[in-house]
Amino acid sequence: GTAISLWAFCAFGGTALGPVVGGILLQHFWW
């Protein structure tokens, strides 16, 4: 149960980091 919760946290935490990291990249590099 703990492992699945951590797995889900990574999956959905990546959803949060994706726009942030992607936005920084798009600010300085091409799409």
ModelCIF file with pLDDT and N, C-alpha, C, O atoms, coordinates in Angstrom:
data_MODEL
#
_entry.id   MODEL 
#
_entity.id                         1 
_entity.type                       polymer 
_entity.pdbx_number_of_molecules   1 
#
_entity_poly.entity_id                      1 
_entity_poly.type                           'polypeptide(L)' 
_entity_poly.nstd_linkage                   no 
_entity_poly.nstd_monomer                   no 
_entity_poly.pdbx_seq_one_letter_code       GTAISLWAFCAFGGTALGPVVGGILLQHFWW 
_entity_poly.pdbx_seq_one_letter_code_can   GTAISLWAFCAFGGTALGPVVGGILLQHFWW 
_entity_poly.pdbx_strand_id                 A 
#
loop_
_entity_poly_seq.entity_id 
_entity_poly_seq.num 
_entity_poly_seq.mon_id 
_entity_poly_seq.hetero 
1 1  GLY n 
1 2  THR n 
1 3  ALA n 
1 4  ILE n 
1 5  SER n 
1 6  LEU n 
1 7  TRP n 
1 8  ALA n 
1 9  PHE n 
1 10 CYS n 
1 11 ALA n 
1 12 PHE n 
1 13 GLY n 
1 14 GLY n 
1 15 THR n 
1 16 ALA n 
1 17 LEU n 
1 18 GLY n 
1 19 PRO n 
1 20 VAL n 
1 21 VAL n 
1 22 GLY n 
1 23 GLY n 
1 24 ILE n 
1 25 LEU n 
1 26 LEU n 
1 27 GLN n 
1 28 HIS n 
1 29 PHE n 
1 30 TRP n 
1 31 TRP n 
#
_struct_asym.id          A 
_struct_asym.entity_id   1 
#
loop_
_ma_qa_metric.id 
_ma_qa_metric.mode 
_ma_qa_metric.name 
_ma_qa_metric.software_group_id 
_ma_qa_metric.type 
1 global pLDDT . pLDDT 
2 local  pLDDT . pLDDT 
#
_ma_qa_metric_global.metric_id      1 
_ma_qa_metric_global.metric_value   76.65 
_ma_qa_metric_global.model_id       1 
_ma_qa_metric_global.ordinal_id     1 
#
loop_
_ma_qa_metric_local.label_asym_id 
_ma_qa_metric_local.label_comp_id 
_ma_qa_metric_local.label_seq_id 
_ma_qa_metric_local.metric_id 
_ma_qa_metric_local.metric_value 
_ma_qa_metric_local.model_id 
_ma_qa_metric_local.ordinal_id 
A GLY 1  2 72.00 1 1  
A THR 2  2 77.00 1 2  
A ALA 3  2 82.00 1 3  
A ILE 4  2 79.00 1 4  
A SER 5  2 79.00 1 5  
A LEU 6  2 81.00 1 6  
A TRP 7  2 81.00 1 7  
A ALA 8  2 79.00 1 8  
A PHE 9  2 79.00 1 9  
A CYS 10 2 79.00 1 10 
A ALA 11 2 75.00 1 11 
A PHE 12 2 73.00 1 12 
A GLY 13 2 72.00 1 13 
A GLY 14 2 72.00 1 14 
A THR 15 2 67.00 1 15 
A ALA 16 2 67.00 1 16 
A LEU 17 2 72.00 1 17 
A GLY 18 2 71.00 1 18 
A PRO 19 2 69.00 1 19 
A VAL 20 2 73.00 1 20 
A VAL 21 2 76.00 1 21 
A GLY 22 2 76.00 1 22 
A GLY 23 2 76.00 1 23 
A ILE 24 2 78.00 1 24 
A LEU 25 2 79.00 1 25 
A LEU 26 2 79.00 1 26 
A GLN 27 2 78.00 1 27 
A HIS 28 2 82.00 1 28 
A PHE 29 2 85.00 1 29 
A TRP 30 2 84.00 1 30 
A TRP 31 2 84.00 1 31 
#
loop_
_atom_site.group_PDB 
_atom_site.id 
_atom_site.type_symbol 
_atom_site.label_atom_id 
_atom_site.label_alt_id 
_atom_site.label_comp_id 
_atom_site.label_asym_id 
_atom_site.label_entity_id 
_atom_site.label_seq_id 
_atom_site.pdbx_PDB_ins_code 
_atom_site.Cartn_x 
_atom_site.Cartn_y 
_atom_site.Cartn_z 
_atom_site.occupancy 
_atom_site.B_iso_or_equiv 
_atom_site.pdbx_formal_charge 
_atom_site.auth_seq_id 
_atom_site.auth_comp_id 
_atom_site.auth_asym_id 
_atom_site.auth_atom_id 
_atom_site.pdbx_PDB_model_num 
ATOM 1   N N  . GLY A 1 1  ? 0.819  -1.217 0.000   1.00 72.00 ? 1  GLY A N  1 
ATOM 2   C CA . GLY A 1 1  ? 0.000  0.000  0.000   1.00 72.00 ? 1  GLY A CA 1 
ATOM 3   C C  . GLY A 1 1  ? 0.843  1.254  0.000   1.00 72.00 ? 1  GLY A C  1 
ATOM 4   O O  . GLY A 1 1  ? 0.551  2.217  -0.709  1.00 72.00 ? 1  GLY A O  1 
ATOM 5   N N  . THR A 1 2  ? 1.913  1.232  0.817   1.00 77.00 ? 2  THR A N  1 
ATOM 6   C CA . THR A 1 2  ? 2.825  2.382  0.841   1.00 77.00 ? 2  THR A CA 1 
ATOM 7   C C  . THR A 1 2  ? 3.526  2.555  -0.498  1.00 77.00 ? 2  THR A C  1 
ATOM 8   O O  . THR A 1 2  ? 3.672  3.674  -0.990  1.00 77.00 ? 2  THR A O  1 
ATOM 9   N N  . ALA A 1 3  ? 3.962  1.434  -1.091  1.00 82.00 ? 3  ALA A N  1 
ATOM 10  C CA . ALA A 1 3  ? 4.666  1.499  -2.371  1.00 82.00 ? 3  ALA A CA 1 
ATOM 11  C C  . ALA A 1 3  ? 3.766  2.033  -3.475  1.00 82.00 ? 3  ALA A C  1 
ATOM 12  O O  . ALA A 1 3  ? 4.202  2.841  -4.295  1.00 82.00 ? 3  ALA A O  1 
ATOM 13  N N  . ILE A 1 4  ? 2.512  1.588  -3.499  1.00 79.00 ? 4  ILE A N  1 
ATOM 14  C CA . ILE A 1 4  ? 1.574  2.069  -4.522  1.00 79.00 ? 4  ILE A CA 1 
ATOM 15  C C  . ILE A 1 4  ? 1.293  3.553  -4.333  1.00 79.00 ? 4  ILE A C  1 
ATOM 16  O O  . ILE A 1 4  ? 1.183  4.294  -5.310  1.00 79.00 ? 4  ILE A O  1 
ATOM 17  N N  . SER A 1 5  ? 1.176  3.996  -3.072  1.00 79.00 ? 5  SER A N  1 
ATOM 18  C CA . SER A 1 5  ? 0.956  5.427  -2.818  1.00 79.00 ? 5  SER A CA 1 
ATOM 19  C C  . SER A 1 5  ? 2.150  6.248  -3.286  1.00 79.00 ? 5  SER A C  1 
ATOM 20  O O  . SER A 1 5  ? 1.978  7.314  -3.878  1.00 79.00 ? 5  SER A O  1 
ATOM 21  N N  . LEU A 1 6  ? 3.377  5.750  -3.020  1.00 81.00 ? 6  LEU A N  1 
ATOM 22  C CA . LEU A 1 6  ? 4.567  6.459  -3.490  1.00 81.00 ? 6  LEU A CA 1 
ATOM 23  C C  . LEU A 1 6  ? 4.649  6.446  -5.011  1.00 81.00 ? 6  LEU A C  1 
ATOM 24  O O  . LEU A 1 6  ? 5.042  7.436  -5.628  1.00 81.00 ? 6  LEU A O  1 
ATOM 25  N N  . TRP A 1 7  ? 4.275  5.313  -5.614  1.00 81.00 ? 7  TRP A N  1 
ATOM 26  C CA . TRP A 1 7  ? 4.239  5.231  -7.083  1.00 81.00 ? 7  TRP A CA 1 
ATOM 27  C C  . TRP A 1 7  ? 3.256  6.252  -7.644  1.00 81.00 ? 7  TRP A C  1 
ATOM 28  O O  . TRP A 1 7  ? 3.562  6.955  -8.608  1.00 81.00 ? 7  TRP A O  1 
ATOM 29  N N  . ALA A 1 8  ? 2.074  6.331  -7.036  1.00 79.00 ? 8  ALA A N  1 
ATOM 30  C CA . ALA A 1 8  ? 1.078  7.296  -7.498  1.00 79.00 ? 8  ALA A CA 1 
ATOM 31  C C  . ALA A 1 8  ? 1.562  8.728  -7.285  1.00 79.00 ? 8  ALA A C  1 
ATOM 32  O O  . ALA A 1 8  ? 1.321  9.606  -8.113  1.00 79.00 ? 8  ALA A O  1 
ATOM 33  N N  . PHE A 1 9  ? 2.245  8.951  -6.165  1.00 79.00 ? 9  PHE A N  1 
ATOM 34  C CA . PHE A 1 9  ? 2.781  10.289 -5.910  1.00 79.00 ? 9  PHE A CA 1 
ATOM 35  C C  . PHE A 1 9  ? 3.772  10.687 -6.999  1.00 79.00 ? 9  PHE A C  1 
ATOM 36  O O  . PHE A 1 9  ? 3.767  11.828 -7.460  1.00 79.00 ? 9  PHE A O  1 
ATOM 37  N N  . CYS A 1 10 ? 4.625  9.740  -7.410  1.00 79.00 ? 10 CYS A N  1 
ATOM 38  C CA . CYS A 1 10 ? 5.576  10.029 -8.490  1.00 79.00 ? 10 CYS A CA 1 
ATOM 39  C C  . CYS A 1 10 ? 4.850  10.292 -9.803  1.00 79.00 ? 10 CYS A C  1 
ATOM 40  O O  . CYS A 1 10 ? 5.197  11.212 -10.543 1.00 79.00 ? 10 CYS A O  1 
ATOM 41  N N  . ALA A 1 11 ? 3.833  9.468  -10.084 1.00 75.00 ? 11 ALA A N  1 
ATOM 42  C CA . ALA A 1 11 ? 3.099  9.623  -11.334 1.00 75.00 ? 11 ALA A CA 1 
ATOM 43  C C  . ALA A 1 11 ? 2.439  10.995 -11.416 1.00 75.00 ? 11 ALA A C  1 
ATOM 44  O O  . ALA A 1 11 ? 2.544  11.688 -12.428 1.00 75.00 ? 11 ALA A O  1 
ATOM 45  N N  . PHE A 1 12 ? 1.764  11.374 -10.349 1.00 73.00 ? 12 PHE A N  1 
ATOM 46  C CA . PHE A 1 12 ? 1.019  12.624 -10.386 1.00 73.00 ? 12 PHE A CA 1 
ATOM 47  C C  . PHE A 1 12 ? 1.886  13.816 -10.008 1.00 73.00 ? 12 PHE A C  1 
ATOM 48  O O  . PHE A 1 12 ? 1.613  14.945 -10.417 1.00 73.00 ? 12 PHE A O  1 
ATOM 49  N N  . GLY A 1 13 ? 2.945  13.560 -9.214  1.00 72.00 ? 13 GLY A N  1 
ATOM 50  C CA . GLY A 1 13 ? 3.911  14.631 -8.982  1.00 72.00 ? 13 GLY A CA 1 
ATOM 51  C C  . GLY A 1 13 ? 4.621  15.017 -10.261 1.00 72.00 ? 13 GLY A C  1 
ATOM 52  O O  . GLY A 1 13 ? 4.954  16.184 -10.468 1.00 72.00 ? 13 GLY A O  1 
ATOM 53  N N  . GLY A 1 14 ? 4.859  14.018 -11.137 1.00 72.00 ? 14 GLY A N  1 
ATOM 54  C CA . GLY A 1 14 ? 5.425  14.313 -12.444 1.00 72.00 ? 14 GLY A CA 1 
ATOM 55  C C  . GLY A 1 14 ? 4.517  15.190 -13.270 1.00 72.00 ? 14 GLY A C  1 
ATOM 56  O O  . GLY A 1 14 ? 4.978  16.020 -14.054 1.00 72.00 ? 14 GLY A O  1 
ATOM 57  N N  . THR A 1 15 ? 3.209  15.001 -13.090 1.00 67.00 ? 15 THR A N  1 
ATOM 58  C CA . THR A 1 15 ? 2.253  15.866 -13.772 1.00 67.00 ? 15 THR A CA 1 
ATOM 59  C C  . THR A 1 15 ? 2.407  17.315 -13.320 1.00 67.00 ? 15 THR A C  1 
ATOM 60  O O  . THR A 1 15 ? 2.231  18.245 -14.107 1.00 67.00 ? 15 THR A O  1 
ATOM 61  N N  . ALA A 1 16 ? 2.738  17.494 -12.038 1.00 67.00 ? 16 ALA A N  1 
ATOM 62  C CA . ALA A 1 16 ? 2.956  18.850 -11.534 1.00 67.00 ? 16 ALA A CA 1 
ATOM 63  C C  . ALA A 1 16 ? 4.274  19.427 -12.035 1.00 67.00 ? 16 ALA A C  1 
ATOM 64  O O  . ALA A 1 16 ? 4.345  20.599 -12.404 1.00 67.00 ? 16 ALA A O  1 
ATOM 65  N N  . LEU A 1 17 ? 5.321  18.600 -12.047 1.00 72.00 ? 17 LEU A N  1 
ATOM 66  C CA . LEU A 1 17 ? 6.633  19.088 -12.467 1.00 72.00 ? 17 LEU A CA 1 
ATOM 67  C C  . LEU A 1 17 ? 6.724  19.259 -13.976 1.00 72.00 ? 17 LEU A C  1 
ATOM 68  O O  . LEU A 1 17 ? 7.495  20.089 -14.459 1.00 72.00 ? 17 LEU A O  1 
ATOM 69  N N  . GLY A 1 18 ? 5.943  18.479 -14.731 1.00 71.00 ? 18 GLY A N  1 
ATOM 70  C CA . GLY A 1 18 ? 6.001  18.555 -16.188 1.00 71.00 ? 18 GLY A CA 1 
ATOM 71  C C  . GLY A 1 18 ? 5.804  19.955 -16.734 1.00 71.00 ? 18 GLY A C  1 
ATOM 72  O O  . GLY A 1 18 ? 6.639  20.434 -17.501 1.00 71.00 ? 18 GLY A O  1 
ATOM 73  N N  . PRO A 1 19 ? 4.706  20.636 -16.354 1.00 69.00 ? 19 PRO A N  1 
ATOM 74  C CA . PRO A 1 19 ? 4.526  22.005 -16.852 1.00 69.00 ? 19 PRO A CA 1 
ATOM 75  C C  . PRO A 1 19 ? 5.608  22.968 -16.387 1.00 69.00 ? 19 PRO A C  1 
ATOM 76  O O  . PRO A 1 19 ? 5.993  23.877 -17.123 1.00 69.00 ? 19 PRO A O  1 
ATOM 77  N N  . VAL A 1 20 ? 6.104  22.769 -15.153 1.00 73.00 ? 20 VAL A N  1 
ATOM 78  C CA . VAL A 1 20 ? 7.135  23.675 -14.639 1.00 73.00 ? 20 VAL A CA 1 
ATOM 79  C C  . VAL A 1 20 ? 8.426  23.529 -15.427 1.00 73.00 ? 20 VAL A C  1 
ATOM 80  O O  . VAL A 1 20 ? 8.984  24.506 -15.926 1.00 73.00 ? 20 VAL A O  1 
ATOM 81  N N  . VAL A 1 21 ? 8.896  22.269 -15.529 1.00 76.00 ? 21 VAL A N  1 
ATOM 82  C CA . VAL A 1 21 ? 10.135 22.017 -16.261 1.00 76.00 ? 21 VAL A CA 1 
ATOM 83  C C  . VAL A 1 21 ? 9.951  22.340 -17.741 1.00 76.00 ? 21 VAL A C  1 
ATOM 84  O O  . VAL A 1 21 ? 10.829 22.932 -18.368 1.00 76.00 ? 21 VAL A O  1 
ATOM 85  N N  . GLY A 1 22 ? 8.799  21.947 -18.295 1.00 76.00 ? 22 GLY A N  1 
ATOM 86  C CA . GLY A 1 22 ? 8.534  22.240 -19.699 1.00 76.00 ? 22 GLY A CA 1 
ATOM 87  C C  . GLY A 1 22 ? 8.482  23.730 -19.974 1.00 76.00 ? 22 GLY A C  1 
ATOM 88  O O  . GLY A 1 22 ? 8.977  24.195 -21.001 1.00 76.00 ? 22 GLY A O  1 
ATOM 89  N N  . GLY A 1 23 ? 7.880  24.484 -19.051 1.00 76.00 ? 23 GLY A N  1 
ATOM 90  C CA . GLY A 1 23 ? 7.820  25.932 -19.234 1.00 76.00 ? 23 GLY A CA 1 
ATOM 91  C C  . GLY A 1 23 ? 9.193  26.579 -19.214 1.00 76.00 ? 23 GLY A C  1 
ATOM 92  O O  . GLY A 1 23 ? 9.470  27.490 -19.995 1.00 76.00 ? 23 GLY A O  1 
ATOM 93  N N  . ILE A 1 24 ? 10.056 26.105 -18.315 1.00 78.00 ? 24 ILE A N  1 
ATOM 94  C CA . ILE A 1 24 ? 11.422 26.637 -18.263 1.00 78.00 ? 24 ILE A CA 1 
ATOM 95  C C  . ILE A 1 24 ? 12.172 26.327 -19.560 1.00 78.00 ? 24 ILE A C  1 
ATOM 96  O O  . ILE A 1 24 ? 12.868 27.184 -20.103 1.00 78.00 ? 24 ILE A O  1 
ATOM 97  N N  . LEU A 1 25 ? 12.023 25.097 -20.048 1.00 79.00 ? 25 LEU A N  1 
ATOM 98  C CA . LEU A 1 25 ? 12.690 24.725 -21.292 1.00 79.00 ? 25 LEU A CA 1 
ATOM 99  C C  . LEU A 1 25 ? 12.191 25.567 -22.461 1.00 79.00 ? 25 LEU A C  1 
ATOM 100 O O  . LEU A 1 25 ? 12.980 26.027 -23.286 1.00 79.00 ? 25 LEU A O  1 
ATOM 101 N N  . LEU A 1 26 ? 10.870 25.766 -22.526 1.00 79.00 ? 26 LEU A N  1 
ATOM 102 C CA . LEU A 1 26 ? 10.307 26.541 -23.629 1.00 79.00 ? 26 LEU A CA 1 
ATOM 103 C C  . LEU A 1 26 ? 10.711 28.012 -23.554 1.00 79.00 ? 26 LEU A C  1 
ATOM 104 O O  . LEU A 1 26 ? 10.743 28.716 -24.564 1.00 79.00 ? 26 LEU A O  1 
ATOM 105 N N  . GLN A 1 27 ? 11.016 28.457 -22.349 1.00 78.00 ? 27 GLN A N  1 
ATOM 106 C CA . GLN A 1 27 ? 11.434 29.837 -22.190 1.00 78.00 ? 27 GLN A CA 1 
ATOM 107 C C  . GLN A 1 27 ? 12.823 30.071 -22.795 1.00 78.00 ? 27 GLN A C  1 
ATOM 108 O O  . GLN A 1 27 ? 13.142 31.177 -23.232 1.00 78.00 ? 27 GLN A O  1 
ATOM 109 N N  . HIS A 1 28 ? 13.647 29.009 -22.814 1.00 82.00 ? 28 HIS A N  1 
ATOM 110 C CA . HIS A 1 28 ? 15.041 29.159 -23.237 1.00 82.00 ? 28 HIS A CA 1 
ATOM 111 C C  . HIS A 1 28 ? 15.383 28.357 -24.494 1.00 82.00 ? 28 HIS A C  1 
ATOM 112 O O  . HIS A 1 28 ? 16.380 28.653 -25.153 1.00 82.00 ? 28 HIS A O  1 
ATOM 113 N N  . PHE A 1 29 ? 14.585 27.359 -24.837 1.00 85.00 ? 29 PHE A N  1 
ATOM 114 C CA . PHE A 1 29 ? 14.896 26.517 -25.984 1.00 85.00 ? 29 PHE A CA 1 
ATOM 115 C C  . PHE A 1 29 ? 13.664 26.364 -26.872 1.00 85.00 ? 29 PHE A C  1 
ATOM 116 O O  . PHE A 1 29 ? 12.611 26.942 -26.605 1.00 85.00 ? 29 PHE A O  1 
ATOM 117 N N  . TRP A 1 30 ? 13.821 25.567 -27.940 1.00 84.00 ? 30 TRP A N  1 
ATOM 118 C CA . TRP A 1 30 ? 12.706 25.363 -28.863 1.00 84.00 ? 30 TRP A CA 1 
ATOM 119 C C  . TRP A 1 30 ? 11.766 24.296 -28.329 1.00 84.00 ? 30 TRP A C  1 
ATOM 120 O O  . TRP A 1 30 ? 12.092 23.600 -27.367 1.00 84.00 ? 30 TRP A O  1 
ATOM 121 N N  . TRP A 1 31 ? 10.593 24.163 -28.955 1.00 84.00 ? 31 TRP A N  1 
ATOM 122 C CA . TRP A 1 31 ? 9.559  23.277 -28.423 1.00 84.00 ? 31 TRP A CA 1 
ATOM 123 C C  . TRP A 1 31 ? 10.003 21.819 -28.345 1.00 84.00 ? 31 TRP A C  1 
ATOM 124 O O  . TRP A 1 31 ? 9.232  20.961 -27.915 1.00 84.00 ? 31 TRP A O  1 
#
